[in-house]
C-alpha atoms as a PDB file:
ATOM      1  CA  MET A   1     -29.501  18.203  34.425  1.00  0.00           C
ATOM      2  CA  LEU A   2     -27.684  18.922  31.136  1.00  0.00           C
ATOM      3  CA  LEU A   3     -26.462  22.227  32.462  1.00  0.00           C
ATOM      4  CA  ALA A   4     -25.035  20.535  35.510  1.00  0.00           C
ATOM      5  CA  SER A   5     -23.318  17.943  33.313  1.00  0.00           C
ATOM      6  CA  ALA A   6     -21.720  20.579  31.132  1.00  0.00           C
ATOM      7  CA  THR A   7     -20.310  22.363  34.136  1.00  0.00           C
ATOM      8  CA  THR A   8     -19.188  19.279  36.014  1.00  0.00           C
ATOM      9  CA  LEU A   9     -17.370  17.579  33.126  1.00  0.00           C
ATOM     10  CA  PRO A  10     -14.430  20.034  33.145  1.00  0.00           C
ATOM     11  CA  LEU A  11     -14.224  19.686  36.935  1.00  0.00           C
ATOM     12  CA  LEU A  12     -14.177  15.888  36.687  1.00  0.00           C
ATOM     13  CA  LEU A  13     -11.525  15.982  33.990  1.00  0.00           C
ATOM     14  CA  ALA A  14      -9.392  18.391  36.013  1.00  0.00           C
ATOM     15  CA  ALA A  15      -9.722  16.186  39.087  1.00  0.00           C
ATOM     16  CA  THR A  16      -8.392  13.201  37.134  1.00  0.00           C
ATOM     17  CA  GLY A  17      -5.500  15.225  35.682  1.00  0.00           C
ATOM     18  CA  CYS A  18      -6.936  15.067  32.184  1.00  0.00           C
ATOM     19  CA  ARG A  19      -7.269  18.195  30.056  1.00  0.00           C
ATOM     20  CA  SER A  20     -10.442  18.553  28.015  1.00  0.00           C
ATOM     21  CA  SER A  21      -8.430  18.454  24.773  1.00  0.00           C
ATOM     22  CA  GLU A  22      -7.142  14.987  25.733  1.00  0.00           C
ATOM     23  CA  ALA A  23     -10.671  13.720  26.342  1.00  0.00           C
ATOM     24  CA  PHE A  24     -11.553  14.377  22.732  1.00  0.00           C
ATOM     25  CA  ALA A  25      -8.334  13.287  21.043  1.00  0.00           C
ATOM     26  CA  GLY A  26      -8.578  11.989  17.511  1.00  0.00           C
ATOM     27  CA  PRO A  27      -8.953  13.342  14.030  1.00  0.00           C
ATOM     28  CA  ASP A  28     -10.540  16.750  13.675  1.00  0.00           C
ATOM     29  CA  PRO A  29     -13.788  16.177  11.746  1.00  0.00           C
ATOM     30  CA  LEU A  30     -13.619  19.700  10.350  1.00  0.00           C
ATOM     31  CA  ALA A  31     -10.095  19.294   8.999  1.00  0.00           C
ATOM     32  CA  GLY A  32     -11.163  17.040   6.131  1.00  0.00           C
ATOM     33  CA  PRO A  33      -9.756  13.632   5.273  1.00  0.00           C
ATOM     34  CA  PRO A  34      -6.196  12.861   6.329  1.00  0.00           C
ATOM     35  CA  SER A  35      -3.446  12.969   3.739  1.00  0.00           C
ATOM     36  CA  PRO A  36      -2.818   9.619   2.082  1.00  0.00           C
ATOM     37  CA  ALA A  37       0.292   7.679   3.015  1.00  0.00           C
ATOM     38  CA  PRO A  38       3.202   7.786   0.538  1.00  0.00           C
ATOM     39  CA  ASP A  39       2.644   4.117  -0.411  1.00  0.00           C
ATOM     40  CA  VAL A  40      -0.989   4.911  -1.257  1.00  0.00           C
ATOM     41  CA  ILE A  41       0.066   7.762  -3.526  1.00  0.00           C
ATOM     42  CA  THR A  42       2.660   5.525  -5.207  1.00  0.00           C
ATOM     43  CA  LEU A  43       0.160   2.701  -5.618  1.00  0.00           C
ATOM     44  CA  GLU A  44      -2.387   5.068  -7.165  1.00  0.00           C
ATOM     45  CA  ALA A  45       0.218   6.284  -9.659  1.00  0.00           C
ATOM     46  CA  VAL A  46       1.191   2.722 -10.612  1.00  0.00           C
ATOM     47  CA  ILE A  47      -2.478   1.774 -11.000  1.00  0.00           C
ATOM     48  CA  ALA A  48      -2.976   4.774 -13.290  1.00  0.00           C
ATOM     49  CA  ALA A  49       0.063   3.768 -15.362  1.00  0.00           C
ATOM     50  CA  GLU A  50      -1.175   0.182 -15.675  1.00  0.00           C
ATOM     51  CA  THR A  51      -4.616   1.481 -16.662  1.00  0.00           C
ATOM     52  CA  ASN A  52      -2.947   3.579 -19.361  1.00  0.00           C
ATOM     53  CA  LEU A  53      -1.117   0.526 -20.721  1.00  0.00           C
ATOM     54  CA  ILE A  54      -4.361  -1.465 -20.801  1.00  0.00           C
ATOM     55  CA  HIS A  55      -6.051   1.326 -22.722  1.00  0.00           C
ATOM     56  CA  LEU A  56      -3.114   1.481 -25.121  1.00  0.00           C
ATOM     57  CA  TYR A  57      -3.260  -2.284 -25.714  1.00  0.00           C
ATOM     58  CA  LYS A  58      -7.017  -2.258 -26.256  1.00  0.00           C
ATOM     59  CA  THR A  59      -6.584   0.473 -28.818  1.00  0.00           C
ATOM     60  CA  ALA A  60      -3.641  -1.319 -30.469  1.00  0.00           C
ATOM     61  CA  ILE A  61      -5.305  -4.728 -30.707  1.00  0.00           C
ATOM     62  CA  SER A  62      -7.732  -3.490 -33.324  1.00  0.00           C
ATOM     63  CA  GLY A  63      -4.898  -2.231 -35.547  1.00  0.00           C
ATOM     64  CA  VAL A  64      -1.812  -4.280 -34.739  1.00  0.00           C
ATOM     65  CA  SER A  65      -2.329  -7.913 -34.040  1.00  0.00           C
ATOM     66  CA  ARG A  66      -4.357 -10.289 -31.959  1.00  0.00           C
ATOM     67  CA  ALA A  67      -0.998 -11.639 -30.741  1.00  0.00           C
ATOM     68  CA  THR A  68      -0.984  -8.765 -28.236  1.00  0.00           C
ATOM     69  CA  ALA A  69      -4.135 -10.120 -26.512  1.00  0.00           C
ATOM     70  CA  PRO A  70      -2.184 -12.338 -24.062  1.00  0.00           C
ATOM     71  CA  LEU A  71      -0.068  -9.323 -23.090  1.00  0.00           C
ATOM     72  CA  LEU A  72      -3.229  -7.327 -22.470  1.00  0.00           C
ATOM     73  CA  SER A  73      -4.493 -10.139 -20.275  1.00  0.00           C
ATOM     74  CA  GLN A  74      -1.314  -9.971 -18.185  1.00  0.00           C
ATOM     75  CA  HIS A  75      -1.761  -6.216 -17.745  1.00  0.00           C
ATOM     76  CA  GLU A  76      -5.326  -6.763 -16.572  1.00  0.00           C
ATOM     77  CA  GLN A  77      -4.020  -9.287 -14.028  1.00  0.00           C
ATOM     78  CA  HIS A  78      -1.420  -6.754 -12.845  1.00  0.00           C
ATOM     79  CA  LEU A  79      -4.123  -4.137 -12.449  1.00  0.00           C
ATOM     80  CA  ALA A  80      -6.207  -6.547 -10.364  1.00  0.00           C
ATOM     81  CA  GLN A  81      -3.194  -7.318  -8.129  1.00  0.00           C
ATOM     82  CA  LEU A  82      -2.408  -3.633  -7.664  1.00  0.00           C
ATOM     83  CA  SER A  83      -6.021  -2.666  -7.044  1.00  0.00           C
ATOM     84  CA  ALA A  84      -6.403  -5.413  -4.434  1.00  0.00           C
ATOM     85  CA  ARG A  85      -3.642  -3.754  -2.378  1.00  0.00           C
ATOM     86  CA  LEU A  86      -5.297  -0.327  -2.468  1.00  0.00           C
ATOM     87  CA  VAL A  87      -7.956   0.183   0.175  1.00  0.00           C
ATOM     88  CA  LEU A  88      -9.636   3.572   0.079  1.00  0.00           C
ATOM     89  CA  PRO A  89     -12.972   4.855   1.358  1.00  0.00           C
ATOM     90  CA  SER A  90     -14.012   5.661  -2.216  1.00  0.00           C
ATOM     91  CA  PRO A  91     -12.578   3.325  -4.882  1.00  0.00           C
ATOM     92  CA  LEU A  92     -10.680   4.631  -7.882  1.00  0.00           C
ATOM     93  CA  SER A  93     -12.352   4.369 -11.217  1.00  0.00           C
ATOM     94  CA  SER A  94     -10.543   2.083 -13.627  1.00  0.00           C
ATOM     95  CA  ALA A  95     -11.937   3.817 -16.695  1.00  0.00           C
ATOM     96  CA  PRO A  96      -9.435   6.033 -18.510  1.00  0.00           C
ATOM     97  CA  GLY A  97     -10.040   9.702 -17.870  1.00  0.00           C
ATOM     98  CA  GLN A  98     -12.037   9.102 -14.697  1.00  0.00           C
ATOM     99  CA  GLY A  99      -9.970   9.950 -11.746  1.00  0.00           C
ATOM    100  CA  GLY A 100      -9.245   9.150  -8.220  1.00  0.00           C
ATOM    101  CA  ARG A 101      -7.240  11.459  -5.988  1.00  0.00           C
ATOM    102  CA  GLY A 102      -4.951  13.929  -7.715  1.00  0.00           C
ATOM    103  CA  GLY A 103      -5.970  13.050 -11.263  1.00  0.00           C
ATOM    104  CA  LEU A 104      -4.169   9.716 -11.185  1.00  0.00           C
ATOM    105  CA  GLY A 105      -7.108   7.768 -12.477  1.00  0.00           C
ATOM    106  CA  GLY A 106      -5.888   6.818 -15.893  1.00  0.00           C
ATOM    107  CA  THR A 107      -5.733   9.716 -18.294  1.00  0.00           C
ATOM    108  CA  VAL A 108      -3.934   8.685 -21.435  1.00  0.00           C
ATOM    109  CA  PRO A 109      -1.240  11.148 -22.560  1.00  0.00           C
ATOM    110  CA  PRO A 110      -1.698  12.451 -26.114  1.00  0.00           C
ATOM    111  CA  GLN A 111       1.442  10.660 -27.336  1.00  0.00           C
ATOM    112  CA  ASP A 112      -0.089   7.330 -26.235  1.00  0.00           C
ATOM    113  CA  ARG A 113      -3.468   7.771 -27.896  1.00  0.00           C
ATOM    114  CA  GLY A 114      -2.342   6.421 -31.209  1.00  0.00           C
ATOM    115  CA  ALA A 115      -0.780   7.639 -34.389  1.00  0.00           C
ATOM    116  CA  PRO A 116      -1.872  10.889 -36.053  1.00  0.00           C
ATOM    117  CA  GLY A 117      -5.103  10.598 -37.979  1.00  0.00           C
ATOM    118  CA  GLY A 118      -6.742   8.400 -35.369  1.00  0.00           C
ATOM    119  CA  ARG A 119      -4.786   5.245 -36.218  1.00  0.00           C
ATOM    120  CA  PRO A 120      -4.237   2.841 -33.337  1.00  0.00           C
ATOM    121  CA  PRO A 121      -0.792   2.722 -31.728  1.00  0.00           C
ATOM    122  CA  GLY A 122       1.722   0.467 -33.402  1.00  0.00           C
ATOM    123  CA  LEU A 123       4.176  -2.050 -32.009  1.00  0.00           C
ATOM    124  CA  ALA A 124       6.872   0.604 -31.600  1.00  0.00           C
ATOM    125  CA  GLN A 125       4.560   2.660 -29.374  1.00  0.00           C
ATOM    126  CA  LEU A 126       3.652  -0.405 -27.310  1.00  0.00           C
ATOM    127  CA  GLN A 127       7.343  -1.275 -26.915  1.00  0.00           C
ATOM    128  CA  ALA A 128       8.179   2.277 -25.824  1.00  0.00           C
ATOM    129  CA  ALA A 129       5.298   2.309 -23.331  1.00  0.00           C
ATOM    130  CA  GLU A 130       6.406  -1.053 -21.898  1.00  0.00           C
ATOM    131  CA  ARG A 131      10.035   0.118 -21.575  1.00  0.00           C
ATOM    132  CA  GLU A 132       8.986   3.350 -19.877  1.00  0.00           C
ATOM    133  CA  SER A 133       6.644   1.532 -17.511  1.00  0.00           C
ATOM    134  CA  ALA A 134       9.314  -0.993 -16.518  1.00  0.00           C
ATOM    135  CA  ALA A 135      11.827   1.799 -15.875  1.00  0.00           C
ATOM    136  CA  ASN A 136       9.300   3.767 -13.790  1.00  0.00           C
ATOM    137  CA  LEU A 137       8.506   0.711 -11.673  1.00  0.00           C
ATOM    138  CA  VAL A 138      12.185  -0.017 -11.064  1.00  0.00           C
ATOM    139  CA  ARG A 139      12.702   3.606  -9.940  1.00  0.00           C
ATOM    140  CA  ARG A 140       9.917   3.171  -7.356  1.00  0.00           C
ATOM    141  CA  LEU A 141      11.408   0.033  -5.785  1.00  0.00           C
ATOM    142  CA  GLY A 142      13.646   1.748  -3.216  1.00  0.00           C
ATOM    143  CA  ALA A 143      10.872   3.856  -1.712  1.00  0.00           C
ATOM    144  CA  ALA A 144       8.200   1.148  -1.524  1.00  0.00           C
ATOM    145  CA  GLU A 145       7.553  -1.167   1.390  1.00  0.00           C
ATOM    146  CA  PRO A 146       9.013  -4.669   0.762  1.00  0.00           C
ATOM    147  CA  ALA A 147       5.823  -6.456  -0.320  1.00  0.00           C
ATOM    148  CA  LEU A 148       4.885  -3.634  -2.671  1.00  0.00           C
ATOM    149  CA  ALA A 149       8.441  -3.445  -4.025  1.00  0.00           C
ATOM    150  CA  GLN A 150       8.302  -7.158  -4.794  1.00  0.00           C
ATOM    151  CA  LEU A 151       5.049  -6.698  -6.721  1.00  0.00           C
ATOM    152  CA  PHE A 152       6.500  -3.720  -8.616  1.00  0.00           C
ATOM    153  CA  ALA A 153       9.628  -5.740  -9.490  1.00  0.00           C
ATOM    154  CA  SER A 154       7.517  -8.621 -10.765  1.00  0.00           C
ATOM    155  CA  ILE A 155       5.411  -6.326 -12.923  1.00  0.00           C
ATOM    156  CA  ALA A 156       8.511  -4.501 -14.214  1.00  0.00           C
ATOM    157  CA  ALA A 157      10.049  -7.835 -15.233  1.00  0.00           C
ATOM    158  CA  SER A 158       6.834  -8.749 -17.023  1.00  0.00           C
ATOM    159  CA  HIS A 159       6.843  -5.437 -18.870  1.00  0.00           C
ATOM    160  CA  ALA A 160      10.451  -6.035 -19.939  1.00  0.00           C
ATOM    161  CA  THR A 161       9.491  -9.429 -21.390  1.00  0.00           C
ATOM    162  CA  HIS A 162       6.611  -7.768 -23.231  1.00  0.00           C
ATOM    163  CA  VAL A 163       9.123  -5.541 -25.022  1.00  0.00           C
ATOM    164  CA  ALA A 164      10.864  -8.687 -26.311  1.00  0.00           C
ATOM    165  CA  ALA A 165       7.532 -10.334 -27.176  1.00  0.00           C
ATOM    166  CA  LEU A 166       6.593  -7.287 -29.237  1.00  0.00           C
ATOM    167  CA  GLY A 167       9.762  -7.747 -31.264  1.00  0.00           C
ATOM    168  CA  GLY A 168      11.996  -5.218 -29.507  1.00  0.00           C
END
C-alpha cells in the first residue's frame, strides 16, 4: 500500500497541475533558522545598549551617588519596554556578557567598566554614555518602523534629560 501511495502521489499532483515542489512549499528544515528581520536586529542592538547603561549605572551607584538610582530605574523601565517588543524563539539574556544573536547581549566595553584601578565610573562617564546612547537612538529613527521609532525617540529624550540631571 505504501509503495502504491509513493508512486501515485506524483501522478495525482501532475494531474492537478501541481509540481511536487509546490506541494511541500515552506521553510527548508535543513537550512537552519531564517535570518532575523532588520527591526529585530536593531531592537537587539538597542536592548544591548540599554543593558550596558544599566550595568554602568549599577556600577556607578556604589561610587557616585544614590541620586542616580531614579535614573537607573528609568533605564530598567526602558529595557522592559524594549524587551516586550522583541519576540524570539529563545529569549536574550539580560545579564551583561551573556549574549543573544550576534553577541549583542550586553557586553560592556572596556571604557565603560569604570575608571582605572577598578574604581566605579564617575558622573562624566555616565554623562558621556547617556549622550552617546541618545545620539545612537536618534540615528536609528529613520530606519525603524513608526511604533519602534516612537519608542526610540522617547528613550533618546529621556537619555538627554539624564545628561542634564547628572550635571552636564
